[in-house]
Amino acid sequence: MPAAWDIDIVVRREDLAAIAKTVEPFGLQYRHAAGADMLIQAGQPARRAVHMVFSGEKVRPEYAEAVPFLGPVRILKGVRLIPIEDLIRMKLTSFRLKDQMHLKDPDEAAITAEVEQKPSPALRDRLELVRHVQ
């Protein structure tokens, strides 16, 4: 069985129709299933998917905060990147174990003192908790 992959991307809801049309020539199709919006290989089960989360919206009702709005564009080798502060905020909001592990080492996660002050107080508390768990 081929290995499963899971990619999460942030998109604007108003771009959803254009995204769905754009990926078709590449063998992908849009699907909404189990409350998730995703791109999958046409004709294949959703074991491998690009999951789309919408800027300005909560991924799940119980999440502390919404996905950050897409801000200024930074392009690296043709790929649009979000600011590190937004990525950290999303990881602190979802707070899954794998997100916590990504934030454990501030040097590897590019968390500077300035970046550390940007999340809301609730998310700063989560960051502090991650740093002190052994």
N, C-alpha and C. Protein backbone atom coordinates (compact mmCIF):
# COMPACT_ATOMS: atom_id res chain seq x y z
N MET A 1 0.85 -1.18 0.00
CA MET A 1 0.00 0.00 0.00
C MET A 1 0.89 1.24 0.00
N PRO A 2 0.64 2.20 -0.87
CA PRO A 2 1.46 3.42 -0.90
C PRO A 2 1.30 4.21 0.39
N ALA A 3 2.36 4.88 0.76
CA ALA A 3 2.33 5.70 1.97
C ALA A 3 1.32 6.83 1.83
N ALA A 4 0.63 7.13 2.92
CA ALA A 4 -0.31 8.25 2.93
C ALA A 4 0.44 9.55 3.14
N TRP A 5 -0.06 10.63 2.57
CA TRP A 5 0.50 11.94 2.82
C TRP A 5 -0.61 12.89 3.14
N ASP A 6 -0.27 13.90 3.88
CA ASP A 6 -1.26 14.87 4.34
C ASP A 6 -0.60 16.24 4.32
N ILE A 7 -1.14 17.12 3.51
CA ILE A 7 -0.61 18.47 3.39
C ILE A 7 -1.74 19.43 3.73
N ASP A 8 -1.46 20.42 4.56
CA ASP A 8 -2.44 21.44 4.89
C ASP A 8 -1.99 22.75 4.26
N ILE A 9 -2.94 23.44 3.59
CA ILE A 9 -2.63 24.74 3.02
C ILE A 9 -3.70 25.74 3.44
N VAL A 10 -3.32 26.98 3.53
CA VAL A 10 -4.25 28.06 3.86
C VAL A 10 -4.68 28.72 2.55
N VAL A 11 -5.99 28.85 2.37
CA VAL A 11 -6.53 29.49 1.18
C VAL A 11 -7.66 30.43 1.59
N ARG A 12 -8.01 31.32 0.68
CA ARG A 12 -9.17 32.18 0.90
C ARG A 12 -10.39 31.44 0.37
N ARG A 13 -11.47 31.43 1.13
CA ARG A 13 -12.68 30.71 0.73
C ARG A 13 -13.14 31.16 -0.66
N GLU A 14 -13.01 32.46 -0.95
CA GLU A 14 -13.47 32.97 -2.24
C GLU A 14 -12.64 32.44 -3.41
N ASP A 15 -11.50 31.82 -3.13
CA ASP A 15 -10.66 31.25 -4.19
C ASP A 15 -10.93 29.77 -4.43
N LEU A 16 -11.83 29.17 -3.66
CA LEU A 16 -12.05 27.72 -3.72
C LEU A 16 -12.42 27.22 -5.11
N ALA A 17 -13.37 27.87 -5.78
CA ALA A 17 -13.79 27.41 -7.12
C ALA A 17 -12.63 27.49 -8.11
N ALA A 18 -11.86 28.56 -8.06
CA ALA A 18 -10.72 28.71 -8.97
C ALA A 18 -9.65 27.65 -8.69
N ILE A 19 -9.43 27.36 -7.42
CA ILE A 19 -8.45 26.33 -7.05
C ILE A 19 -8.89 24.98 -7.59
N ALA A 20 -10.18 24.63 -7.38
CA ALA A 20 -10.70 23.34 -7.84
C ALA A 20 -10.52 23.18 -9.35
N LYS A 21 -10.77 24.24 -10.10
CA LYS A 21 -10.63 24.18 -11.56
C LYS A 21 -9.16 24.10 -11.98
N THR A 22 -8.31 24.84 -11.29
CA THR A 22 -6.89 24.91 -11.63
C THR A 22 -6.18 23.57 -11.45
N VAL A 23 -6.55 22.78 -10.46
CA VAL A 23 -5.82 21.54 -10.17
C VAL A 23 -6.25 20.36 -11.05
N GLU A 24 -7.39 20.48 -11.73
CA GLU A 24 -7.89 19.37 -12.54
C GLU A 24 -6.89 18.86 -13.57
N PRO A 25 -6.20 19.74 -14.33
CA PRO A 25 -5.22 19.22 -15.31
C PRO A 25 -4.06 18.45 -14.68
N PHE A 26 -3.89 18.58 -13.37
CA PHE A 26 -2.81 17.88 -12.67
C PHE A 26 -3.28 16.59 -12.03
N GLY A 27 -4.51 16.17 -12.37
CA GLY A 27 -5.03 14.90 -11.85
C GLY A 27 -5.61 15.00 -10.45
N LEU A 28 -5.88 16.20 -9.99
CA LEU A 28 -6.47 16.37 -8.66
C LEU A 28 -7.92 16.82 -8.81
N GLN A 29 -8.72 16.50 -7.81
CA GLN A 29 -10.09 16.97 -7.80
C GLN A 29 -10.45 17.45 -6.40
N TYR A 30 -11.35 18.41 -6.36
CA TYR A 30 -11.83 18.96 -5.10
C TYR A 30 -12.88 18.01 -4.52
N ARG A 31 -12.83 17.83 -3.20
CA ARG A 31 -13.85 17.04 -2.51
C ARG A 31 -14.09 17.67 -1.14
N HIS A 32 -15.34 17.71 -0.75
CA HIS A 32 -15.71 18.10 0.61
C HIS A 32 -16.26 16.84 1.26
N ALA A 33 -15.58 16.34 2.30
CA ALA A 33 -16.00 15.12 2.97
C ALA A 33 -15.64 15.20 4.44
N ALA A 34 -16.52 14.70 5.27
CA ALA A 34 -16.31 14.66 6.73
C ALA A 34 -15.94 16.04 7.27
N GLY A 35 -16.57 17.07 6.72
CA GLY A 35 -16.34 18.42 7.21
C GLY A 35 -15.05 19.05 6.76
N ALA A 36 -14.35 18.40 5.83
CA ALA A 36 -13.06 18.92 5.37
C ALA A 36 -13.10 19.18 3.86
N ASP A 37 -12.40 20.24 3.46
CA ASP A 37 -12.25 20.57 2.05
C ASP A 37 -10.86 20.10 1.64
N MET A 38 -10.80 19.31 0.56
CA MET A 38 -9.51 18.72 0.19
C MET A 38 -9.38 18.55 -1.31
N LEU A 39 -8.14 18.37 -1.70
CA LEU A 39 -7.80 18.01 -3.07
C LEU A 39 -7.22 16.61 -3.02
N ILE A 40 -7.78 15.73 -3.85
CA ILE A 40 -7.30 14.35 -3.87
C ILE A 40 -6.98 13.94 -5.30
N GLN A 41 -6.25 12.85 -5.45
CA GLN A 41 -5.98 12.32 -6.78
C GLN A 41 -7.30 11.81 -7.34
N ALA A 42 -7.63 12.21 -8.56
CA ALA A 42 -8.90 11.84 -9.17
C ALA A 42 -9.09 10.33 -9.16
N GLY A 43 -10.27 9.91 -8.72
CA GLY A 43 -10.61 8.49 -8.70
C GLY A 43 -9.99 7.69 -7.58
N GLN A 44 -9.30 8.33 -6.66
CA GLN A 44 -8.64 7.64 -5.57
C GLN A 44 -9.33 7.95 -4.24
N PRO A 45 -9.21 7.05 -3.26
CA PRO A 45 -9.74 7.37 -1.93
C PRO A 45 -8.94 8.52 -1.31
N ALA A 46 -9.49 9.11 -0.28
CA ALA A 46 -8.88 10.31 0.32
C ALA A 46 -7.77 9.99 1.31
N ARG A 47 -7.04 8.88 1.12
CA ARG A 47 -5.91 8.59 2.02
C ARG A 47 -4.81 9.62 1.87
N ARG A 48 -4.66 10.12 0.67
CA ARG A 48 -3.67 11.16 0.38
C ARG A 48 -4.46 12.41 0.01
N ALA A 49 -4.19 13.49 0.69
CA ALA A 49 -4.99 14.69 0.40
C ALA A 49 -4.21 15.95 0.74
N VAL A 50 -4.57 16.99 0.01
CA VAL A 50 -4.16 18.34 0.36
C VAL A 50 -5.39 18.95 1.03
N HIS A 51 -5.30 19.18 2.33
CA HIS A 51 -6.42 19.75 3.08
C HIS A 51 -6.32 21.27 3.04
N MET A 52 -7.44 21.88 2.74
CA MET A 52 -7.47 23.34 2.66
C MET A 52 -8.17 23.88 3.90
N VAL A 53 -7.49 24.81 4.57
CA VAL A 53 -8.10 25.53 5.69
C VAL A 53 -8.25 26.97 5.23
N PHE A 54 -9.29 27.61 5.73
CA PHE A 54 -9.65 28.92 5.20
C PHE A 54 -9.18 30.05 6.11
N SER A 55 -8.51 31.01 5.51
CA SER A 55 -8.02 32.16 6.27
C SER A 55 -9.21 32.90 6.89
N GLY A 56 -9.02 33.30 8.14
CA GLY A 56 -10.06 34.04 8.85
C GLY A 56 -11.15 33.17 9.44
N GLU A 57 -11.03 31.84 9.34
CA GLU A 57 -12.05 30.93 9.87
C GLU A 57 -11.40 29.91 10.81
N LYS A 58 -12.17 29.45 11.79
CA LYS A 58 -11.68 28.38 12.65
C LYS A 58 -11.73 27.07 11.88
N VAL A 59 -10.71 26.25 12.05
CA VAL A 59 -10.69 24.94 11.43
C VAL A 59 -11.74 24.06 12.08
N ARG A 60 -11.82 24.13 13.40
CA ARG A 60 -12.81 23.39 14.19
C ARG A 60 -13.41 24.35 15.21
N PRO A 61 -14.66 24.16 15.55
CA PRO A 61 -15.31 25.09 16.50
C PRO A 61 -14.57 25.21 17.83
N GLU A 62 -13.95 24.13 18.28
CA GLU A 62 -13.28 24.16 19.59
C GLU A 62 -11.91 24.82 19.55
N TYR A 63 -11.40 25.15 18.37
CA TYR A 63 -10.10 25.81 18.29
C TYR A 63 -10.17 27.18 18.93
N ALA A 64 -9.07 27.58 19.54
CA ALA A 64 -9.02 28.85 20.26
C ALA A 64 -9.12 30.06 19.33
N GLU A 65 -8.58 29.95 18.14
CA GLU A 65 -8.54 31.10 17.23
C GLU A 65 -8.71 30.65 15.78
N ALA A 66 -9.03 31.60 14.94
CA ALA A 66 -9.17 31.34 13.51
C ALA A 66 -7.80 31.28 12.84
N VAL A 67 -7.77 30.70 11.67
CA VAL A 67 -6.57 30.70 10.84
C VAL A 67 -6.27 32.16 10.48
N PRO A 68 -5.03 32.58 10.57
CA PRO A 68 -4.71 33.98 10.23
C PRO A 68 -5.13 34.32 8.80
N PHE A 69 -5.47 35.59 8.59
CA PHE A 69 -5.75 36.06 7.25
C PHE A 69 -4.45 36.04 6.46
N LEU A 70 -4.55 35.79 5.17
CA LEU A 70 -3.37 35.81 4.33
C LEU A 70 -2.88 37.25 4.22
N GLY A 71 -1.66 37.46 4.59
CA GLY A 71 -1.11 38.81 4.60
C GLY A 71 -0.16 39.02 3.45
N PRO A 72 0.89 39.81 3.70
CA PRO A 72 1.86 40.13 2.65
C PRO A 72 2.49 38.86 2.06
N VAL A 73 2.73 38.91 0.79
CA VAL A 73 3.29 37.76 0.08
C VAL A 73 4.80 37.73 0.21
N ARG A 74 5.33 36.57 0.49
CA ARG A 74 6.77 36.33 0.43
C ARG A 74 6.93 35.09 -0.43
N ILE A 75 7.71 35.21 -1.47
CA ILE A 75 7.91 34.10 -2.40
C ILE A 75 9.33 33.58 -2.25
N LEU A 76 9.46 32.27 -2.11
CA LEU A 76 10.76 31.63 -2.03
C LEU A 76 10.75 30.47 -3.03
N LYS A 77 11.60 30.56 -4.04
CA LYS A 77 11.68 29.54 -5.09
C LYS A 77 10.30 29.25 -5.69
N GLY A 78 9.52 30.30 -5.89
CA GLY A 78 8.22 30.16 -6.54
C GLY A 78 7.08 29.75 -5.63
N VAL A 79 7.33 29.59 -4.34
CA VAL A 79 6.31 29.16 -3.40
C VAL A 79 5.95 30.31 -2.47
N ARG A 80 4.66 30.58 -2.34
CA ARG A 80 4.19 31.64 -1.45
C ARG A 80 4.27 31.14 -0.01
N LEU A 81 4.89 31.94 0.84
CA LEU A 81 5.07 31.58 2.25
C LEU A 81 4.32 32.55 3.14
N ILE A 82 3.86 32.03 4.28
CA ILE A 82 3.24 32.91 5.27
C ILE A 82 4.30 33.32 6.28
N PRO A 83 4.07 34.42 6.98
CA PRO A 83 5.03 34.83 8.01
C PRO A 83 5.13 33.77 9.11
N ILE A 84 6.30 33.63 9.68
CA ILE A 84 6.54 32.63 10.74
C ILE A 84 5.57 32.84 11.90
N GLU A 85 5.21 34.08 12.19
CA GLU A 85 4.28 34.36 13.29
C GLU A 85 2.93 33.69 13.05
N ASP A 86 2.48 33.70 11.80
CA ASP A 86 1.20 33.08 11.47
C ASP A 86 1.27 31.56 11.57
N LEU A 87 2.38 30.98 11.13
CA LEU A 87 2.55 29.53 11.23
C LEU A 87 2.57 29.11 12.70
N ILE A 88 3.29 29.84 13.53
CA ILE A 88 3.35 29.52 14.96
C ILE A 88 1.96 29.64 15.57
N ARG A 89 1.24 30.68 15.21
CA ARG A 89 -0.12 30.86 15.73
C ARG A 89 -1.02 29.68 15.33
N MET A 90 -0.92 29.22 14.09
CA MET A 90 -1.74 28.08 13.67
C MET A 90 -1.38 26.82 14.44
N LYS A 91 -0.10 26.60 14.67
CA LYS A 91 0.32 25.41 15.42
C LYS A 91 -0.14 25.49 16.87
N LEU A 92 -0.09 26.67 17.46
CA LEU A 92 -0.56 26.83 18.84
C LEU A 92 -2.08 26.72 18.93
N THR A 93 -2.77 27.08 17.86
CA THR A 93 -4.23 26.98 17.85
C THR A 93 -4.69 25.53 17.73
N SER A 94 -4.11 24.78 16.80
CA SER A 94 -4.53 23.38 16.65
C SER A 94 -3.99 22.54 17.79
N PHE A 95 -2.76 22.79 18.20
CA PHE A 95 -2.13 22.22 19.40
C PHE A 95 -2.13 20.70 19.45
N ARG A 96 -2.05 20.06 18.28
CA ARG A 96 -1.89 18.61 18.25
C ARG A 96 -0.48 18.28 18.73
N LEU A 97 -0.25 17.04 19.11
CA LEU A 97 1.06 16.65 19.61
C LEU A 97 2.16 16.97 18.59
N LYS A 98 1.91 16.71 17.31
CA LYS A 98 2.95 16.99 16.31
C LYS A 98 3.20 18.49 16.19
N ASP A 99 2.16 19.32 16.38
CA ASP A 99 2.37 20.77 16.37
C ASP A 99 3.21 21.20 17.57
N GLN A 100 2.93 20.61 18.72
CA GLN A 100 3.70 20.93 19.92
C GLN A 100 5.17 20.57 19.74
N MET A 101 5.44 19.44 19.12
CA MET A 101 6.82 19.02 18.90
C MET A 101 7.54 19.98 17.95
N HIS A 102 6.83 20.52 16.97
CA HIS A 102 7.45 21.48 16.05
C HIS A 102 7.87 22.76 16.77
N LEU A 103 7.21 23.06 17.88
CA LEU A 103 7.47 24.30 18.61
C LEU A 103 8.39 24.12 19.82
N LYS A 104 8.75 22.90 20.12
CA LYS A 104 9.49 22.61 21.35
C LYS A 104 10.84 23.33 21.41
N ASP A 105 11.58 23.34 20.33
CA ASP A 105 12.89 23.99 20.30
C ASP A 105 12.75 25.35 19.63
N PRO A 106 12.81 26.43 20.41
CA PRO A 106 12.59 27.76 19.83
C PRO A 106 13.59 28.13 18.75
N ASP A 107 14.82 27.64 18.84
CA ASP A 107 15.82 27.96 17.81
C ASP A 107 15.46 27.30 16.49
N GLU A 108 15.07 26.03 16.54
CA GLU A 108 14.70 25.33 15.31
C GLU A 108 13.39 25.86 14.74
N ALA A 109 12.48 26.32 15.59
CA ALA A 109 11.19 26.83 15.13
C ALA A 109 11.27 28.31 14.76
N ALA A 110 12.44 28.91 14.83
CA ALA A 110 12.64 30.33 14.50
C ALA A 110 11.78 31.26 15.35
N ILE A 111 11.66 30.90 16.63
CA ILE A 111 10.86 31.71 17.55
C ILE A 111 11.80 32.65 18.30
N THR A 112 11.78 33.90 17.91
CA THR A 112 12.58 34.92 18.58
C THR A 112 11.75 35.55 19.70
N ALA A 113 12.37 36.35 20.53
CA ALA A 113 11.64 37.04 21.60
C ALA A 113 10.53 37.92 21.02
N GLU A 114 10.81 38.54 19.88
CA GLU A 114 9.80 39.40 19.24
C GLU A 114 8.62 38.57 18.73
N VAL A 115 8.90 37.45 18.09
CA VAL A 115 7.85 36.57 17.56
C VAL A 115 7.02 36.00 18.71
N GLU A 116 7.69 35.69 19.81
CA GLU A 116 7.04 35.10 20.98
C GLU A 116 5.94 35.98 21.55
N GLN A 117 6.03 37.29 21.38
CA GLN A 117 5.06 38.23 21.95
C GLN A 117 3.84 38.45 21.07
N LYS A 118 3.85 37.95 19.84
CA LYS A 118 2.77 38.24 18.90
C LYS A 118 1.47 37.47 19.13
N PRO A 119 1.51 36.21 19.56
CA PRO A 119 0.24 35.50 19.77
C PRO A 119 -0.57 36.11 20.93
N SER A 120 -1.83 35.73 20.97
CA SER A 120 -2.70 36.16 22.07
C SER A 120 -2.18 35.59 23.38
N PRO A 121 -2.62 36.14 24.52
CA PRO A 121 -2.17 35.60 25.81
C PRO A 121 -2.45 34.10 25.97
N ALA A 122 -3.59 33.64 25.51
CA ALA A 122 -3.91 32.20 25.64
C ALA A 122 -2.92 31.35 24.85
N LEU A 123 -2.56 31.81 23.66
CA LEU A 123 -1.61 31.04 22.85
C LEU A 123 -0.19 31.16 23.39
N ARG A 124 0.15 32.29 23.99
CA ARG A 124 1.47 32.42 24.65
C ARG A 124 1.56 31.44 25.82
N ASP A 125 0.46 31.24 26.53
CA ASP A 125 0.44 30.25 27.62
C ASP A 125 0.71 28.85 27.08
N ARG A 126 0.14 28.53 25.94
CA ARG A 126 0.39 27.22 25.32
C ARG A 126 1.85 27.07 24.93
N LEU A 127 2.42 28.13 24.39
CA LEU A 127 3.83 28.08 24.00
C LEU A 127 4.72 27.84 25.22
N GLU A 128 4.40 28.52 26.29
CA GLU A 128 5.16 28.33 27.54
C GLU A 128 5.01 26.89 28.04
N LEU A 129 3.82 26.34 27.94
CA LEU A 129 3.57 24.96 28.37
C LEU A 129 4.42 24.00 27.53
N VAL A 130 4.45 24.19 26.22
CA VAL A 130 5.23 23.31 25.34
C VAL A 130 6.71 23.34 25.70
N ARG A 131 7.20 24.49 26.03
CA ARG A 131 8.62 24.63 26.34
C ARG A 131 9.02 23.94 27.64
N HIS A 132 8.08 23.77 28.55
CA HIS A 132 8.42 23.21 29.86
C HIS A 132 8.04 21.75 30.03
N VAL A 133 7.48 21.13 28.99
CA VAL A 133 7.16 19.70 29.04
C VAL A 133 8.39 18.93 28.61
N GLN A 134 8.78 17.98 29.41
CA GLN A 134 9.96 17.17 29.10
C GLN A 134 9.59 15.95 28.29
